[in-house]
Amino acid sequence: MKTGIILESFNAKDGRNVILRTPKWEDLDDFIELFNSLVEEDADIHPGEKVTRDQKADWLSGRLTELEKGQLLWLVAEVDGKVIANSELRRKRARQSHVGEIDIAVIKKDYRNLGIGSEMIKALISQAETIGLKMLVLTVFSTNKQAIHIYEKLGFKETGQIPNSFYKNGKFTDEVIMVKQLTNL
């Protein structure tokens, strides 16, 4: 998929227009701001350390290459010309090529609870069905009850946990594994 392609547009619950599109190189500063704001907030993301411009430029360059080669479906949510959320869908390889992994952990604080994350996941599910995936998998901090609730509403079911998978602020937290079947296997 090419960079900067708009997949859809919708209004968030507060009326703001949201554009779901593939990222582009010009989003670099927005990605730095988004990621570092989540680290400052101490959000449940991994890794939880601020990034430099050089680190994020290397990251963005590699990801855009994967996007253009069709190895990754990557969506951002844009509001008023700024990237405020990030999500991706990656097909597993070889004997797991029927499985897609979803990662959506990054939504800027002022844009939560507006339905943006749900719409991003719906768009990823639709794309997964289009490319013939049969199952989607995601993981989430067990303490992120709001995200777990949203994933359940969208048809994901908890299938297991990895005990003490994350270490944050002197505490261990479990990682919840969730799966959505797209077709009967």
C-alpha atoms as a PDB file:
ATOM      1  CA  MET A   1       0.000   0.000   0.000  1.00  0.00           C
ATOM      2  CA  LYS A   2       1.236   3.490  -0.737  1.00  0.00           C
ATOM      3  CA  THR A   3       1.901   6.180   1.860  1.00  0.00           C
ATOM      4  CA  GLY A   4      -0.670   8.900   2.540  1.00  0.00           C
ATOM      5  CA  ILE A   5      -3.661   6.930   1.177  1.00  0.00           C
ATOM      6  CA  ILE A   6      -6.980   7.869   2.831  1.00  0.00           C
ATOM      7  CA  LEU A   7      -9.075   4.814   3.727  1.00  0.00           C
ATOM      8  CA  GLU A   8     -11.986   6.587   5.370  1.00  0.00           C
ATOM      9  CA  SER A   9     -13.215   9.682   7.136  1.00  0.00           C
ATOM     10  CA  PHE A  10     -15.712   9.929   9.996  1.00  0.00           C
ATOM     11  CA  ASN A  11     -16.820  12.237  12.790  1.00  0.00           C
ATOM     12  CA  ALA A  12     -15.670  11.462  16.318  1.00  0.00           C
ATOM     13  CA  LYS A  13     -18.210  11.587  19.148  1.00  0.00           C
ATOM     14  CA  ASP A  14     -17.245  15.225  19.786  1.00  0.00           C
ATOM     15  CA  GLY A  15     -17.940  16.142  16.129  1.00  0.00           C
ATOM     16  CA  ARG A  16     -14.324  16.513  14.997  1.00  0.00           C
ATOM     17  CA  ASN A  17     -13.515  15.044  11.594  1.00  0.00           C
ATOM     18  CA  VAL A  18     -11.105  12.100  11.707  1.00  0.00           C
ATOM     19  CA  ILE A  19      -9.224  10.810   8.683  1.00  0.00           C
ATOM     20  CA  LEU A  20      -7.898   7.247   8.698  1.00  0.00           C
ATOM     21  CA  ARG A  21      -4.980   6.971   6.302  1.00  0.00           C
ATOM     22  CA  THR A  22      -1.626   5.355   5.782  1.00  0.00           C
ATOM     23  CA  PRO A  23       1.302   7.315   7.239  1.00  0.00           C
ATOM     24  CA  LYS A  24       3.786   9.373   5.268  1.00  0.00           C
ATOM     25  CA  TRP A  25       7.267  10.736   5.893  1.00  0.00           C
ATOM     26  CA  GLU A  26       5.858  14.177   6.756  1.00  0.00           C
ATOM     27  CA  ASP A  27       4.267  12.628   9.894  1.00  0.00           C
ATOM     28  CA  LEU A  28       7.657  12.247  11.609  1.00  0.00           C
ATOM     29  CA  ASP A  29       7.266  15.185  14.031  1.00  0.00           C
ATOM     30  CA  ASP A  30       3.704  14.123  14.891  1.00  0.00           C
ATOM     31  CA  PHE A  31       4.939  10.598  15.696  1.00  0.00           C
ATOM     32  CA  ILE A  32       7.665  11.970  17.977  1.00  0.00           C
ATOM     33  CA  GLU A  33       5.177  14.203  19.786  1.00  0.00           C
ATOM     34  CA  LEU A  34       2.570  11.427  20.038  1.00  0.00           C
ATOM     35  CA  PHE A  35       4.941   8.796  21.346  1.00  0.00           C
ATOM     36  CA  ASN A  36       6.771  11.058  23.805  1.00  0.00           C
ATOM     37  CA  SER A  37       3.483  12.460  25.164  1.00  0.00           C
ATOM     38  CA  LEU A  38       2.406   8.893  25.973  1.00  0.00           C
ATOM     39  CA  VAL A  39       5.703   8.243  27.764  1.00  0.00           C
ATOM     40  CA  GLU A  40       5.251  11.460  29.782  1.00  0.00           C
ATOM     41  CA  GLU A  41       1.730  10.348  30.653  1.00  0.00           C
ATOM     42  CA  ASP A  42       3.137   6.968  31.776  1.00  0.00           C
ATOM     43  CA  ALA A  43       0.607   5.225  29.524  1.00  0.00           C
ATOM     44  CA  ASP A  44       0.569   1.440  29.227  1.00  0.00           C
ATOM     45  CA  ILE A  45       2.778   1.186  26.156  1.00  0.00           C
ATOM     46  CA  HIS A  46       6.021  -0.595  25.510  1.00  0.00           C
ATOM     47  CA  PRO A  47       8.761   0.499  25.401  1.00  0.00           C
ATOM     48  CA  GLY A  48       8.102   3.285  27.842  1.00  0.00           C
ATOM     49  CA  GLU A  49      11.086   5.530  27.102  1.00  0.00           C
ATOM     50  CA  LYS A  50      11.164   8.793  25.155  1.00  0.00           C
ATOM     51  CA  VAL A  51      12.572   8.684  21.646  1.00  0.00           C
ATOM     52  CA  THR A  52      14.868  11.049  19.799  1.00  0.00           C
ATOM     53  CA  ARG A  53      14.250  12.414  16.329  1.00  0.00           C
ATOM     54  CA  ASP A  54      16.971  10.141  14.901  1.00  0.00           C
ATOM     55  CA  GLN A  55      15.459   7.048  16.548  1.00  0.00           C
ATOM     56  CA  LYS A  56      11.979   7.834  15.283  1.00  0.00           C
ATOM     57  CA  ALA A  57      13.300   8.699  11.796  1.00  0.00           C
ATOM     58  CA  ASP A  58      14.962   5.266  11.571  1.00  0.00           C
ATOM     59  CA  TRP A  59      11.761   3.631  12.835  1.00  0.00           C
ATOM     60  CA  LEU A  60       9.555   5.544  10.382  1.00  0.00           C
ATOM     61  CA  SER A  61      11.833   4.811   7.438  1.00  0.00           C
ATOM     62  CA  GLY A  62      11.718   1.067   8.099  1.00  0.00           C
ATOM     63  CA  ARG A  63       7.980   1.022   8.651  1.00  0.00           C
ATOM     64  CA  LEU A  64       7.208   2.997   5.508  1.00  0.00           C
ATOM     65  CA  THR A  65       9.309   0.526   3.523  1.00  0.00           C
ATOM     66  CA  GLU A  66       7.320  -2.375   5.008  1.00  0.00           C
ATOM     67  CA  LEU A  67       4.066  -0.565   4.195  1.00  0.00           C
ATOM     68  CA  GLU A  68       5.026  -0.011   0.567  1.00  0.00           C
ATOM     69  CA  LYS A  69       6.169  -3.642   0.187  1.00  0.00           C
ATOM     70  CA  GLY A  70       2.798  -4.846   1.508  1.00  0.00           C
ATOM     71  CA  GLN A  71       4.343  -6.428   4.614  1.00  0.00           C
ATOM     72  CA  LEU A  72       2.379  -4.198   6.968  1.00  0.00           C
ATOM     73  CA  LEU A  73      -0.961  -2.413   6.984  1.00  0.00           C
ATOM     74  CA  TRP A  74      -0.428   0.734   8.973  1.00  0.00           C
ATOM     75  CA  LEU A  75      -3.063   3.327   9.748  1.00  0.00           C
ATOM     76  CA  VAL A  76      -2.989   6.651  11.506  1.00  0.00           C
ATOM     77  CA  ALA A  77      -5.853   8.823  12.632  1.00  0.00           C
ATOM     78  CA  GLU A  78      -5.499  12.464  11.682  1.00  0.00           C
ATOM     79  CA  VAL A  79      -7.447  15.336  13.204  1.00  0.00           C
ATOM     80  CA  ASP A  80      -6.900  18.936  12.082  1.00  0.00           C
ATOM     81  CA  GLY A  81      -3.807  17.919  10.142  1.00  0.00           C
ATOM     82  CA  LYS A  82      -2.103  16.174  13.099  1.00  0.00           C
ATOM     83  CA  VAL A  83      -1.552  12.448  13.693  1.00  0.00           C
ATOM     84  CA  ILE A  84      -3.289  11.601  16.975  1.00  0.00           C
ATOM     85  CA  ALA A  85      -3.380   7.781  16.854  1.00  0.00           C
ATOM     86  CA  ASN A  86      -1.466   4.870  15.370  1.00  0.00           C
ATOM     87  CA  SER A  87      -2.407   1.268  14.563  1.00  0.00           C
ATOM     88  CA  GLU A  88      -1.116  -1.612  12.511  1.00  0.00           C
ATOM     89  CA  LEU A  89      -1.932  -5.032  11.177  1.00  0.00           C
ATOM     90  CA  ARG A  90       0.839  -7.462  10.329  1.00  0.00           C
ATOM     91  CA  ARG A  91       0.369 -10.887   8.727  1.00  0.00           C
ATOM     92  CA  LYS A  92       2.336 -13.640  10.430  1.00  0.00           C
ATOM     93  CA  ARG A  93       4.551 -15.832   8.260  1.00  0.00           C
ATOM     94  CA  ALA A  94       4.740 -19.400   6.992  1.00  0.00           C
ATOM     95  CA  ARG A  95       2.405 -21.778   8.812  1.00  0.00           C
ATOM     96  CA  GLN A  96       0.769 -18.853  10.605  1.00  0.00           C
ATOM     97  CA  SER A  97       0.127 -16.778   7.485  1.00  0.00           C
ATOM     98  CA  HIS A  98      -3.628 -16.984   8.124  1.00  0.00           C
ATOM     99  CA  VAL A  99      -3.135 -14.959  11.337  1.00  0.00           C
ATOM    100  CA  GLY A 100      -2.803 -11.191  11.632  1.00  0.00           C
ATOM    101  CA  GLU A 101      -1.414  -9.317  14.616  1.00  0.00           C
ATOM    102  CA  ILE A 102      -3.024  -6.018  15.547  1.00  0.00           C
ATOM    103  CA  ASP A 103      -1.257  -3.310  17.485  1.00  0.00           C
ATOM    104  CA  ILE A 104      -3.204  -0.254  18.558  1.00  0.00           C
ATOM    105  CA  ALA A 105      -1.935   1.310  21.697  1.00  0.00           C
ATOM    106  CA  VAL A 106      -1.352   4.872  20.798  1.00  0.00           C
ATOM    107  CA  ILE A 107      -4.124   7.391  21.081  1.00  0.00           C
ATOM    108  CA  LYS A 108      -3.306  10.887  22.280  1.00  0.00           C
ATOM    109  CA  LYS A 109      -4.907  11.685  25.628  1.00  0.00           C
ATOM    110  CA  ASP A 110      -7.290  14.423  24.439  1.00  0.00           C
ATOM    111  CA  TYR A 111      -8.709  12.089  21.763  1.00  0.00           C
ATOM    112  CA  ARG A 112      -9.696   9.090  23.859  1.00  0.00           C
ATOM    113  CA  ASN A 113     -13.271   7.942  24.461  1.00  0.00           C
ATOM    114  CA  LEU A 114     -14.387   9.462  21.166  1.00  0.00           C
ATOM    115  CA  GLY A 115     -14.709   6.229  19.192  1.00  0.00           C
ATOM    116  CA  ILE A 116     -11.489   6.749  17.238  1.00  0.00           C
ATOM    117  CA  GLY A 117      -9.770   3.584  18.490  1.00  0.00           C
ATOM    118  CA  SER A 118     -12.857   1.502  17.752  1.00  0.00           C
ATOM    119  CA  GLU A 119     -13.069   2.862  14.209  1.00  0.00           C
ATOM    120  CA  MET A 120      -9.385   2.143  13.655  1.00  0.00           C
ATOM    121  CA  ILE A 121      -9.829  -1.457  14.792  1.00  0.00           C
ATOM    122  CA  LYS A 122     -12.907  -1.855  12.583  1.00  0.00           C
ATOM    123  CA  ALA A 123     -10.884  -0.603   9.612  1.00  0.00           C
ATOM    124  CA  LEU A 124      -8.095  -3.090  10.402  1.00  0.00           C
ATOM    125  CA  ILE A 125     -10.625  -5.930  10.711  1.00  0.00           C
ATOM    126  CA  SER A 126     -12.110  -4.989   7.342  1.00  0.00           C
ATOM    127  CA  GLN A 127      -8.675  -4.914   5.721  1.00  0.00           C
ATOM    128  CA  ALA A 128      -7.807  -8.269   7.344  1.00  0.00           C
ATOM    129  CA  GLU A 129     -10.919  -9.822   5.813  1.00  0.00           C
ATOM    130  CA  THR A 130     -10.073  -8.280   2.440  1.00  0.00           C
ATOM    131  CA  ILE A 131      -6.621  -9.885   2.390  1.00  0.00           C
ATOM    132  CA  GLY A 132      -7.987 -13.270   3.487  1.00  0.00           C
ATOM    133  CA  LEU A 133      -6.835 -13.485   7.089  1.00  0.00           C
ATOM    134  CA  LYS A 134      -8.776 -15.958   9.194  1.00  0.00           C
ATOM    135  CA  MET A 135      -7.816 -14.861  12.694  1.00  0.00           C
ATOM    136  CA  LEU A 136      -6.623 -11.712  14.464  1.00  0.00           C
ATOM    137  CA  VAL A 137      -4.516 -11.617  17.622  1.00  0.00           C
ATOM    138  CA  LEU A 138      -3.651  -8.718  19.896  1.00  0.00           C
ATOM    139  CA  THR A 139      -2.169  -8.270  23.342  1.00  0.00           C
ATOM    140  CA  VAL A 140      -2.916  -5.678  25.998  1.00  0.00           C
ATOM    141  CA  PHE A 141      -1.823  -4.835  29.548  1.00  0.00           C
ATOM    142  CA  SER A 142      -4.216  -6.571  31.967  1.00  0.00           C
ATOM    143  CA  THR A 143      -4.619  -3.225  33.750  1.00  0.00           C
ATOM    144  CA  ASN A 144      -6.015  -1.564  30.599  1.00  0.00           C
ATOM    145  CA  LYS A 145      -9.640  -2.474  31.318  1.00  0.00           C
ATOM    146  CA  GLN A 146     -11.048   0.141  28.942  1.00  0.00           C
ATOM    147  CA  ALA A 147      -9.147  -1.273  25.946  1.00  0.00           C
ATOM    148  CA  ILE A 148     -10.096  -4.836  26.884  1.00  0.00           C
ATOM    149  CA  HIS A 149     -13.760  -3.794  26.995  1.00  0.00           C
ATOM    150  CA  ILE A 150     -13.532  -2.198  23.527  1.00  0.00           C
ATOM    151  CA  TYR A 151     -11.806  -5.256  22.075  1.00  0.00           C
ATOM    152  CA  GLU A 152     -14.519  -7.512  23.533  1.00  0.00           C
ATOM    153  CA  LYS A 153     -17.243  -5.308  22.010  1.00  0.00           C
ATOM    154  CA  LEU A 154     -15.547  -5.780  18.643  1.00  0.00           C
ATOM    155  CA  GLY A 155     -15.579  -9.574  18.959  1.00  0.00           C
ATOM    156  CA  PHE A 156     -12.196 -10.349  20.497  1.00  0.00           C
ATOM    157  CA  LYS A 157     -12.067 -12.986  23.234  1.00  0.00           C
ATOM    158  CA  GLU A 158      -9.414 -13.458  25.877  1.00  0.00           C
ATOM    159  CA  THR A 159      -7.571 -16.713  25.211  1.00  0.00           C
ATOM    160  CA  GLY A 160      -4.809 -16.482  27.792  1.00  0.00           C
ATOM    161  CA  GLN A 161      -2.385 -14.387  29.762  1.00  0.00           C
ATOM    162  CA  ILE A 162       1.351 -14.163  30.114  1.00  0.00           C
ATOM    163  CA  PRO A 163       1.932 -13.603  33.829  1.00  0.00           C
ATOM    164  CA  ASN A 164       4.225 -10.736  34.834  1.00  0.00           C
ATOM    165  CA  SER A 165       5.051  -9.917  31.215  1.00  0.00           C
ATOM    166  CA  PHE A 166       5.431  -6.165  31.809  1.00  0.00           C
ATOM    167  CA  TYR A 167       7.339  -4.356  34.527  1.00  0.00           C
ATOM    168  CA  LYS A 168       6.265  -0.786  35.202  1.00  0.00           C
ATOM    169  CA  ASN A 169       6.634   1.483  38.236  1.00  0.00           C
ATOM    170  CA  GLY A 170       7.946  -1.306  40.438  1.00  0.00           C
ATOM    171  CA  LYS A 171       5.073  -3.676  39.620  1.00  0.00           C
ATOM    172  CA  PHE A 172       4.629  -6.634  37.319  1.00  0.00           C
ATOM    173  CA  THR A 173       1.566  -6.711  35.062  1.00  0.00           C
ATOM    174  CA  ASP A 174       0.124  -9.573  33.060  1.00  0.00           C
ATOM    175  CA  GLU A 175      -0.229  -9.440  29.291  1.00  0.00           C
ATOM    176  CA  VAL A 176      -3.683 -10.459  28.032  1.00  0.00           C
ATOM    177  CA  ILE A 177      -3.874 -12.323  24.710  1.00  0.00           C
ATOM    178  CA  MET A 178      -7.069 -11.750  22.735  1.00  0.00           C
ATOM    179  CA  VAL A 179      -8.252 -13.410  19.500  1.00  0.00           C
ATOM    180  CA  LYS A 180     -10.977 -12.723  16.951  1.00  0.00           C
ATOM    181  CA  GLN A 181     -11.936 -15.464  14.504  1.00  0.00           C
ATOM    182  CA  LEU A 182     -12.800 -14.018  11.108  1.00  0.00           C
ATOM    183  CA  THR A 183     -13.875 -17.345   9.606  1.00  0.00           C
ATOM    184  CA  ASN A 184     -14.548 -20.836  10.866  1.00  0.00           C
ATOM    185  CA  LEU A 185     -11.373 -22.876  10.774  1.00  0.00           C
END
